Amino acid sequence: AFACSGSKNVIMSLWSVSDQCNKNIFLPFYKTLKEGKSYTHSLRKAKLEYLLNADPLHAHPYFWAGFVISGKNEIPKIRSYSSGMLLNYYIFL
């Protein structure tokens, strides 16, 4: 459905993982994307950073290995927007 609607990339989890683990992987992922790295590089770096900081229980592959990328491995074009307040957001194209 995402590909049919025009999405170039989809990042998905192959199984359910806690929101805390998601946050600990995807904050570094988006930070690396903003630095101009590709999707696969950014996800790999985020997973490695997660493993360096995870306790022994959460270092199990169940918590990080299920995230995969389907689509083009390219460096995204980034558009930055500001709402006029303290909120800034980015769209990765």
PDB file of N, CA and C in Angstrom:
ATOM      1  N   ALA A   1       0.825  -1.194   0.000  1.00  0.00           N
ATOM      2  CA  ALA A   1       0.000   0.000   0.000  1.00  0.00           C
ATOM      3  C   ALA A   1       0.871   1.260   0.000  1.00  0.00           C
ATOM      4  N   PHE A   2       1.959   1.251   0.770  1.00  0.00           N
ATOM      5  CA  PHE A   2       2.832   2.426   0.800  1.00  0.00           C
ATOM      6  C   PHE A   2       3.496   2.639  -0.560  1.00  0.00           C
ATOM      7  N   ALA A   3       3.987   1.563  -1.173  1.00  0.00           N
ATOM      8  CA  ALA A   3       4.629   1.671  -2.485  1.00  0.00           C
ATOM      9  C   ALA A   3       3.640   2.165  -3.537  1.00  0.00           C
ATOM     10  N   CYS A   4       2.418   1.665  -3.499  1.00  0.00           N
ATOM     11  CA  CYS A   4       1.403   2.100  -4.461  1.00  0.00           C
ATOM     12  C   CYS A   4       1.043   3.566  -4.289  1.00  0.00           C
ATOM     13  N   SER A   5       1.186   4.088  -3.076  1.00  0.00           N
ATOM     14  CA  SER A   5       0.862   5.489  -2.835  1.00  0.00           C
ATOM     15  C   SER A   5       2.033   6.416  -3.133  1.00  0.00           C
ATOM     16  N   GLY A   6       3.176   5.844  -3.552  1.00  0.00           N
ATOM     17  CA  GLY A   6       4.303   6.679  -3.960  1.00  0.00           C
ATOM     18  C   GLY A   6       5.465   6.737  -2.996  1.00  0.00           C
ATOM     19  N   SER A   7       5.409   6.015  -1.901  1.00  0.00           N
ATOM     20  CA  SER A   7       6.519   6.019  -0.945  1.00  0.00           C
ATOM     21  C   SER A   7       7.735   5.349  -1.563  1.00  0.00           C
ATOM     22  N   LYS A   8       8.892   6.002  -1.443  1.00  0.00           N
ATOM     23  CA  LYS A   8      10.129   5.430  -1.960  1.00  0.00           C
ATOM     24  C   LYS A   8      10.721   4.418  -0.983  1.00  0.00           C
ATOM     25  N   ASN A   9      10.488   4.611   0.298  1.00  0.00           N
ATOM     26  CA  ASN A   9      11.049   3.757   1.342  1.00  0.00           C
ATOM     27  C   ASN A   9      10.016   3.509   2.425  1.00  0.00           C
ATOM     28  N   VAL A  10      10.109   2.334   3.008  1.00  0.00           N
ATOM     29  CA  VAL A  10       9.288   2.008   4.169  1.00  0.00           C
ATOM     30  C   VAL A  10      10.206   1.355   5.193  1.00  0.00           C
ATOM     31  N   ILE A  11      10.187   1.883   6.393  1.00  0.00           N
ATOM     32  CA  ILE A  11      10.922   1.274   7.497  1.00  0.00           C
ATOM     33  C   ILE A  11       9.875   0.618   8.375  1.00  0.00           C
ATOM     34  N   MET A  12      10.072  -0.670   8.611  1.00  0.00           N
ATOM     35  CA  MET A  12       9.048  -1.411   9.340  1.00  0.00           C
ATOM     36  C   MET A  12       9.673  -2.327  10.376  1.00  0.00           C
ATOM     37  N   SER A  13       8.851  -2.765  11.271  1.00  0.00           N
ATOM     38  CA  SER A  13       9.260  -3.745  12.263  1.00  0.00           C
ATOM     39  C   SER A  13       8.594  -5.064  11.908  1.00  0.00           C
ATOM     40  N   LEU A  14       9.373  -6.126  11.948  1.00  0.00           N
ATOM     41  CA  LEU A  14       8.829  -7.440  11.627  1.00  0.00           C
ATOM     42  C   LEU A  14       8.016  -8.026  12.775  1.00  0.00           C
ATOM     43  N   TRP A  15       8.131  -7.449  13.961  1.00  0.00           N
ATOM     44  CA  TRP A  15       7.339  -7.859  15.111  1.00  0.00           C
ATOM     45  C   TRP A  15       7.194  -6.659  16.043  1.00  0.00           C
ATOM     46  N   SER A  16       6.287  -6.746  16.999  1.00  0.00           N
ATOM     47  CA  SER A  16       6.040  -5.645  17.938  1.00  0.00           C
ATOM     48  C   SER A  16       7.196  -5.493  18.916  1.00  0.00           C
ATOM     49  N   VAL A  17       7.592  -4.252  19.125  1.00  0.00           N
ATOM     50  CA  VAL A  17       8.648  -3.923  20.074  1.00  0.00           C
ATOM     51  C   VAL A  17       8.157  -2.730  20.884  1.00  0.00           C
ATOM     52  N   SER A  18       8.635  -2.609  22.111  1.00  0.00           N
ATOM     53  CA  SER A  18       8.174  -1.531  22.994  1.00  0.00           C
ATOM     54  C   SER A  18       8.512  -0.159  22.420  1.00  0.00           C
ATOM     55  N   ASP A  19       7.708   0.821  22.789  1.00  0.00           N
ATOM     56  CA  ASP A  19       7.935   2.195  22.339  1.00  0.00           C
ATOM     57  C   ASP A  19       9.280   2.732  22.816  1.00  0.00           C
ATOM     58  N   GLN A  20       9.718   2.343  23.992  1.00  0.00           N
ATOM     59  CA  GLN A  20      11.006   2.813  24.511  1.00  0.00           C
ATOM     60  C   GLN A  20      12.150   2.337  23.616  1.00  0.00           C
ATOM     61  N   CYS A  21      12.113   1.092  23.192  1.00  0.00           N
ATOM     62  CA  CYS A  21      13.150   0.574  22.289  1.00  0.00           C
ATOM     63  C   CYS A  21      13.079   1.286  20.945  1.00  0.00           C
ATOM     64  N   ASN A  22      11.865   1.514  20.454  1.00  0.00           N
ATOM     65  CA  ASN A  22      11.706   2.252  19.203  1.00  0.00           C
ATOM     66  C   ASN A  22      12.358   3.625  19.310  1.00  0.00           C
ATOM     67  N   LYS A  23      12.095   4.313  20.403  1.00  0.00           N
ATOM     68  CA  LYS A  23      12.654   5.653  20.591  1.00  0.00           C
ATOM     69  C   LYS A  23      14.172   5.609  20.621  1.00  0.00           C
ATOM     70  N   ASN A  24      14.718   4.624  21.300  1.00  0.00           N
ATOM     71  CA  ASN A  24      16.171   4.534  21.436  1.00  0.00           C
ATOM     72  C   ASN A  24      16.866   4.173  20.124  1.00  0.00           C
ATOM     73  N   ILE A  25      16.125   3.647  19.172  1.00  0.00           N
ATOM     74  CA  ILE A  25      16.700   3.360  17.857  1.00  0.00           C
ATOM     75  C   ILE A  25      16.417   4.491  16.871  1.00  0.00           C
ATOM     76  N   PHE A  26      15.213   5.028  16.886  1.00  0.00           N
ATOM     77  CA  PHE A  26      14.847   5.968  15.836  1.00  0.00           C
ATOM     78  C   PHE A  26      15.286   7.403  16.069  1.00  0.00           C
ATOM     79  N   LEU A  27      15.546   7.822  17.286  1.00  0.00           N
ATOM     80  CA  LEU A  27      16.126   9.155  17.476  1.00  0.00           C
ATOM     81  C   LEU A  27      17.517   9.234  16.847  1.00  0.00           C
ATOM     82  N   PRO A  28      18.426   8.271  17.119  1.00  0.00           N
ATOM     83  CA  PRO A  28      19.717   8.307  16.418  1.00  0.00           C
ATOM     84  C   PRO A  28      19.582   8.085  14.905  1.00  0.00           C
ATOM     85  N   PHE A  29      18.597   7.302  14.489  1.00  0.00           N
ATOM     86  CA  PHE A  29      18.372   7.070  13.064  1.00  0.00           C
ATOM     87  C   PHE A  29      18.090   8.388  12.353  1.00  0.00           C
ATOM     88  N   TYR A  30      17.136   9.160  12.863  1.00  0.00           N
ATOM     89  CA  TYR A  30      16.790  10.431  12.216  1.00  0.00           C
ATOM     90  C   TYR A  30      17.922  11.448  12.333  1.00  0.00           C
ATOM     91  N   LYS A  31      18.661  11.416  13.414  1.00  0.00           N
ATOM     92  CA  LYS A  31      19.810  12.312  13.565  1.00  0.00           C
ATOM     93  C   LYS A  31      20.836  12.035  12.463  1.00  0.00           C
ATOM     94  N   THR A  32      21.115  10.767  12.194  1.00  0.00           N
ATOM     95  CA  THR A  32      22.078  10.403  11.154  1.00  0.00           C
ATOM     96  C   THR A  32      21.539  10.743   9.770  1.00  0.00           C
ATOM     97  N   LEU A  33      20.248  10.587   9.549  1.00  0.00           N
ATOM     98  CA  LEU A  33      19.657  10.999   8.268  1.00  0.00           C
ATOM     99  C   LEU A  33      19.849  12.495   8.045  1.00  0.00           C
ATOM    100  N   LYS A  34      19.648  13.283   9.096  1.00  0.00           N
ATOM    101  CA  LYS A  34      19.818  14.735   8.981  1.00  0.00           C
ATOM    102  C   LYS A  34      21.261  15.109   8.651  1.00  0.00           C
ATOM    103  N   GLU A  35      22.209  14.235   8.986  1.00  0.00           N
ATOM    104  CA  GLU A  35      23.620  14.480   8.673  1.00  0.00           C
ATOM    105  C   GLU A  35      23.935  14.149   7.215  1.00  0.00           C
ATOM    106  N   GLY A  36      22.955  13.651   6.479  1.00  0.00           N
ATOM    107  CA  GLY A  36      23.142  13.381   5.059  1.00  0.00           C
ATOM    108  C   GLY A  36      23.580  11.969   4.723  1.00  0.00           C
ATOM    109  N   LYS A  37      23.317  11.031   5.598  1.00  0.00           N
ATOM    110  CA  LYS A  37      23.671   9.626   5.347  1.00  0.00           C
ATOM    111  C   LYS A  37      22.482   8.891   4.742  1.00  0.00           C
ATOM    112  N   SER A  38      22.741   7.738   4.137  1.00  0.00           N
ATOM    113  CA  SER A  38      21.680   6.947   3.508  1.00  0.00           C
ATOM    114  C   SER A  38      20.807   6.269   4.574  1.00  0.00           C
ATOM    115  N   TYR A  39      19.690   5.741   4.122  1.00  0.00           N
ATOM    116  CA  TYR A  39      18.758   5.075   5.038  1.00  0.00           C
ATOM    117  C   TYR A  39      19.389   3.853   5.697  1.00  0.00           C
ATOM    118  N   THR A  40      20.042   3.003   4.893  1.00  0.00           N
ATOM    119  CA  THR A  40      20.621   1.787   5.468  1.00  0.00           C
ATOM    120  C   THR A  40      21.778   2.113   6.409  1.00  0.00           C
ATOM    121  N   HIS A  41      22.601   3.091   6.046  1.00  0.00           N
ATOM    122  CA  HIS A  41      23.696   3.493   6.930  1.00  0.00           C
ATOM    123  C   HIS A  41      23.134   4.022   8.252  1.00  0.00           C
ATOM    124  N   SER A  42      22.111   4.840   8.156  1.00  0.00           N
ATOM    125  CA  SER A  42      21.513   5.436   9.357  1.00  0.00           C
ATOM    126  C   SER A  42      20.898   4.383  10.271  1.00  0.00           C
ATOM    127  N   LEU A  43      20.215   3.401   9.685  1.00  0.00           N
ATOM    128  CA  LEU A  43      19.605   2.353  10.511  1.00  0.00           C
ATOM    129  C   LEU A  43      20.680   1.479  11.155  1.00  0.00           C
ATOM    130  N   ARG A  44      21.697   1.135  10.394  1.00  0.00           N
ATOM    131  CA  ARG A  44      22.792   0.324  10.945  1.00  0.00           C
ATOM    132  C   ARG A  44      23.484   1.053  12.094  1.00  0.00           C
ATOM    133  N   LYS A  45      23.779   2.332  11.898  1.00  0.00           N
ATOM    134  CA  LYS A  45      24.439   3.113  12.942  1.00  0.00           C
ATOM    135  C   LYS A  45      23.559   3.226  14.191  1.00  0.00           C
ATOM    136  N   ALA A  46      22.253   3.412  13.982  1.00  0.00           N
ATOM    137  CA  ALA A  46      21.330   3.518  15.117  1.00  0.00           C
ATOM    138  C   ALA A  46      21.264   2.208  15.901  1.00  0.00           C
ATOM    139  N   LYS A  47      21.259   1.078  15.189  1.00  0.00           N
ATOM    140  CA  LYS A  47      21.233  -0.222  15.867  1.00  0.00           C
ATOM    141  C   LYS A  47      22.516  -0.443  16.664  1.00  0.00           C
ATOM    142  N   LEU A  48      23.658  -0.083  16.084  1.00  0.00           N
ATOM    143  CA  LEU A  48      24.929  -0.246  16.809  1.00  0.00           C
ATOM    144  C   LEU A  48      24.984   0.650  18.041  1.00  0.00           C
ATOM    145  N   GLU A  49      24.512   1.882  17.907  1.00  0.00           N
ATOM    146  CA  GLU A  49      24.475   2.794  19.051  1.00  0.00           C
ATOM    147  C   GLU A  49      23.544   2.256  20.138  1.00  0.00           C
ATOM    148  N   TYR A  50      22.412   1.709  19.718  1.00  0.00           N
ATOM    149  CA  TYR A  50      21.474   1.103  20.663  1.00  0.00           C
ATOM    150  C   TYR A  50      22.158  -0.013  21.449  1.00  0.00           C
ATOM    151  N   LEU A  51      22.885  -0.887  20.736  1.00  0.00           N
ATOM    152  CA  LEU A  51      23.564  -2.009  21.395  1.00  0.00           C
ATOM    153  C   LEU A  51      24.636  -1.547  22.370  1.00  0.00           C
ATOM    154  N   LEU A  52      25.325  -0.479  22.056  1.00  0.00           N
ATOM    155  CA  LEU A  52      26.361   0.040  22.954  1.00  0.00           C
ATOM    156  C   LEU A  52      25.771   0.548  24.267  1.00  0.00           C
ATOM    157  N   ASN A  53      24.532   1.034  24.218  1.00  0.00           N
ATOM    158  CA  ASN A  53      23.907   1.632  25.401  1.00  0.00           C
ATOM    159  C   ASN A  53      22.892   0.734  26.099  1.00  0.00           C
ATOM    160  N   ALA A  54      22.567  -0.403  25.509  1.00  0.00           N
ATOM    161  CA  ALA A  54      21.511  -1.268  26.062  1.00  0.00           C
ATOM    162  C   ALA A  54      22.038  -2.128  27.205  1.00  0.00           C
ATOM    163  N   ASP A  55      21.149  -2.385  28.170  1.00  0.00           N
ATOM    164  CA  ASP A  55      21.491  -3.339  29.221  1.00  0.00           C
ATOM    165  C   ASP A  55      21.452  -4.746  28.625  1.00  0.00           C
ATOM    166  N   PRO A  56      21.999  -5.744  29.317  1.00  0.00           N
ATOM    167  CA  PRO A  56      22.084  -7.095  28.740  1.00  0.00           C
ATOM    168  C   PRO A  56      20.728  -7.671  28.277  1.00  0.00           C
ATOM    169  N   LEU A  57      19.657  -7.399  28.988  1.00  0.00           N
ATOM    170  CA  LEU A  57      18.346  -7.912  28.577  1.00  0.00           C
ATOM    171  C   LEU A  57      17.909  -7.285  27.257  1.00  0.00           C
ATOM    172  N   HIS A  58      18.013  -5.967  27.145  1.00  0.00           N
ATOM    173  CA  HIS A  58      17.539  -5.266  25.949  1.00  0.00           C
ATOM    174  C   HIS A  58      18.520  -5.320  24.780  1.00  0.00           C
ATOM    175  N   ALA A  59      19.689  -5.910  24.977  1.00  0.00           N
ATOM    176  CA  ALA A  59      20.629  -6.106  23.874  1.00  0.00           C
ATOM    177  C   ALA A  59      20.255  -7.339  23.042  1.00  0.00           C
ATOM    178  N   HIS A  60      19.294  -8.111  23.512  1.00  0.00           N
ATOM    179  CA  HIS A  60      18.834  -9.288  22.770  1.00  0.00           C
ATOM    180  C   HIS A  60      18.283  -8.833  21.410  1.00  0.00           C
ATOM    181  N   PRO A  61      18.553  -9.579  20.340  1.00  0.00           N
ATOM    182  CA  PRO A  61      18.082  -9.182  19.000  1.00  0.00           C
ATOM    183  C   PRO A  61      16.578  -8.945  18.887  1.00  0.00           C
ATOM    184  N   TYR A  62      15.790  -9.521  19.764  1.00  0.00           N
ATOM    185  CA  TYR A  62      14.349  -9.278  19.734  1.00  0.00           C
ATOM    186  C   TYR A  62      14.035  -7.786  19.752  1.00  0.00           C
ATOM    187  N   PHE A  63      14.833  -7.005  20.471  1.00  0.00           N
ATOM    188  CA  PHE A  63      14.532  -5.591  20.685  1.00  0.00           C
ATOM    189  C   PHE A  63      15.021  -4.681  19.564  1.00  0.00           C
ATOM    190  N   TRP A  64      15.931  -5.147  18.708  1.00  0.00           N
ATOM    191  CA  TRP A  64      16.484  -4.249  17.692  1.00  0.00           C
ATOM    192  C   TRP A  64      16.578  -4.843  16.286  1.00  0.00           C
ATOM    193  N   ALA A  65      16.601  -6.166  16.147  1.00  0.00           N
ATOM    194  CA  ALA A  65      16.873  -6.770  14.840  1.00  0.00           C
ATOM    195  C   ALA A  65      15.676  -6.769  13.893  1.00  0.00           C
ATOM    196  N   GLY A  66      14.486  -6.529  14.381  1.00  0.00           N
ATOM    197  CA  GLY A  66      13.297  -6.611  13.544  1.00  0.00           C
ATOM    198  C   GLY A  66      13.050  -5.409  12.655  1.00  0.00           C
ATOM    199  N   PHE A  67      13.837  -4.350  12.793  1.00  0.00           N
ATOM    200  CA  PHE A  67      13.637  -3.161  11.975  1.00  0.00           C
ATOM    201  C   PHE A  67      14.353  -3.314  10.645  1.00  0.00           C
ATOM    202  N   VAL A  68      13.612  -3.197   9.558  1.00  0.00           N
ATOM    203  CA  VAL A  68      14.167  -3.371   8.218  1.00  0.00           C
ATOM    204  C   VAL A  68      13.679  -2.243   7.310  1.00  0.00           C
ATOM    205  N   ILE A  69      14.414  -2.043   6.231  1.00  0.00           N
ATOM    206  CA  ILE A  69      14.073  -1.017   5.246  1.00  0.00           C
ATOM    207  C   ILE A  69      13.735  -1.706   3.934  1.00  0.00           C
ATOM    208  N   SER A  70      12.663  -1.269   3.326  1.00  0.00           N
ATOM    209  CA  SER A  70      12.292  -1.738   2.001  1.00  0.00           C
ATOM    210  C   SER A  70      12.235  -0.517   1.095  1.00  0.00           C
ATOM    211  N   GLY A  71      12.951  -0.563  -0.009  1.00  0.00           N
ATOM    212  CA  GLY A  71      12.927   0.564  -0.939  1.00  0.00           C
ATOM    213  C   GLY A  71      14.315   0.934  -1.402  1.00  0.00           C
ATOM    214  N   LYS A  72      14.465   2.183  -1.792  1.00  0.00           N
ATOM    215  CA  LYS A  72      15.723   2.677  -2.334  1.00  0.00           C
ATOM    216  C   LYS A  72      16.667   3.082  -1.216  1.00  0.00           C
ATOM    217  N   ASN A  73      17.924   2.695  -1.362  1.00  0.00           N
ATOM    218  CA  ASN A  73      18.945   3.115  -0.407  1.00  0.00           C
ATOM    219  C   ASN A  73      19.617   4.355  -0.973  1.00  0.00           C
ATOM    220  N   GLU A  74      19.097   5.487  -0.608  1.00  0.00           N
ATOM    221  CA  GLU A  74      19.627   6.737  -1.120  1.00  0.00           C
ATOM    222  C   GLU A  74      19.778   7.723   0.032  1.00  0.00           C
ATOM    223  N   ILE A  75      20.433   8.812  -0.264  1.00  0.00           N
ATOM    224  CA  ILE A  75      20.529   9.892   0.713  1.00  0.00           C
ATOM    225  C   ILE A  75      19.295  10.766   0.511  1.00  0.00           C
ATOM    226  N   PRO A  76      18.480  10.921   1.552  1.00  0.00           N
ATOM    227  CA  PRO A  76      17.219  11.649   1.375  1.00  0.00           C
ATOM    228  C   PRO A  76      17.422  13.151   1.223  1.00  0.00           C
ATOM    229  N   LYS A  77      16.508  13.764   0.502  1.00  0.00           N
ATOM    230  CA  LYS A  77      16.436  15.217   0.471  1.00  0.00           C
ATOM    231  C   LYS A  77      15.636  15.620   1.695  1.00  0.00           C
ATOM    232  N   ILE A  78      16.073  16.660   2.369  1.00  0.00           N
ATOM    233  CA  ILE A  78      15.447  17.043   3.634  1.00  0.00           C
ATOM    234  C   ILE A  78      14.830  18.428   3.500  1.00  0.00           C
ATOM    235  N   ARG A  79      13.595  18.536   3.934  1.00  0.00           N
ATOM    236  CA  ARG A  79      12.936  19.837   4.033  1.00  0.00           C
ATOM    237  C   ARG A  79      12.685  20.124   5.506  1.00  0.00           C
ATOM    238  N   SER A  80      13.080  21.295   5.921  1.00  0.00           N
ATOM    239  CA  SER A  80      12.905  21.700   7.315  1.00  0.00           C
ATOM    240  C   SER A  80      11.798  22.745   7.384  1.00  0.00           C
ATOM    241  N   TYR A  81      10.941  22.595   8.364  1.00  0.00           N
ATOM    242  CA  TYR A  81       9.832  23.521   8.555  1.00  0.00           C
ATOM    243  C   TYR A  81       9.813  23.994  10.004  1.00  0.00           C
ATOM    244  N   SER A  82       9.307  25.184  10.194  1.00  0.00           N
ATOM    245  CA  SER A  82       9.142  25.711  11.547  1.00  0.00           C
ATOM    246  C   SER A  82       7.722  26.206  11.689  1.00  0.00           C
ATOM    247  N   SER A  83       7.134  25.911  12.839  1.00  0.00           N
ATOM    248  CA  SER A  83       5.758  26.334  13.077  1.00  0.00           C
ATOM    249  C   SER A  83       5.686  27.753  13.617  1.00  0.00           C
ATOM    250  N   GLY A  84       6.840  28.409  13.777  1.00  0.00           N
ATOM    251  CA  GLY A  84       6.862  29.751  14.342  1.00  0.00           C
ATOM    252  C   GLY A  84       7.018  29.726  15.849  1.00  0.00           C
ATOM    253  N   MET A  85       6.874  28.573  16.441  1.00  0.00           N
ATOM    254  CA  MET A  85       7.082  28.429  17.875  1.00  0.00           C
ATOM    255  C   MET A  85       8.394  27.683  18.050  1.00  0.00           C
ATOM    256  N   LEU A  86       8.511  26.892  19.058  1.00  0.00           N
ATOM    257  CA  LEU A  86       9.729  26.146  19.299  1.00  0.00           C
ATOM    258  C   LEU A  86       9.761  24.814  18.567  1.00  0.00           C
ATOM    259  N   LEU A  87       8.728  24.520  17.815  1.00  0.00           N
ATOM    260  CA  LEU A  87       8.623  23.230  17.153  1.00  0.00           C
ATOM    261  C   LEU A  87       9.173  23.313  15.737  1.00  0.00           C
ATOM    262  N   ASN A  88      10.168  22.513  15.458  1.00  0.00           N
ATOM    263  CA  ASN A  88      10.689  22.344  14.105  1.00  0.00           C
ATOM    264  C   ASN A  88      10.453  20.902  13.706  1.00  0.00           C
ATOM    265  N   TYR A  89      10.184  20.677  12.447  1.00  0.00           N
ATOM    266  CA  TYR A  89      10.035  19.303  11.992  1.00  0.00           C
ATOM    267  C   TYR A  89      10.658  19.173  10.616  1.00  0.00           C
ATOM    268  N   TYR A  90      10.961  17.940  10.261  1.00  0.00           N
ATOM    269  CA  TYR A  90      11.671  17.633   9.026  1.00  0.00           C
ATOM    270  C   TYR A  90      10.877  16.621   8.231  1.00  0.00           C
ATOM    271  N   ILE A  91      10.929  16.762   6.921  1.00  0.00           N
ATOM    272  CA  ILE A  91      10.335  15.779   6.027  1.00  0.00           C
ATOM    273  C   ILE A  91      11.460  15.229   5.177  1.00  0.00           C
ATOM    274  N   PHE A  92      11.600  13.904   5.184  1.00  0.00           N
ATOM    275  CA  PHE A  92      12.640  13.240   4.406  1.00  0.00           C
ATOM    276  C   PHE A  92      12.010  12.749   3.112  1.00  0.00           C
ATOM    277  N   LEU A  93      12.510  13.245   1.995  1.00  0.00           N
ATOM    278  CA  LEU A  93      11.947  12.905   0.683  1.00  0.00           C
ATOM    279  C   LEU A  93      12.848  11.949  -0.053  1.00  0.00           C
TER     280      LEU A  93
END
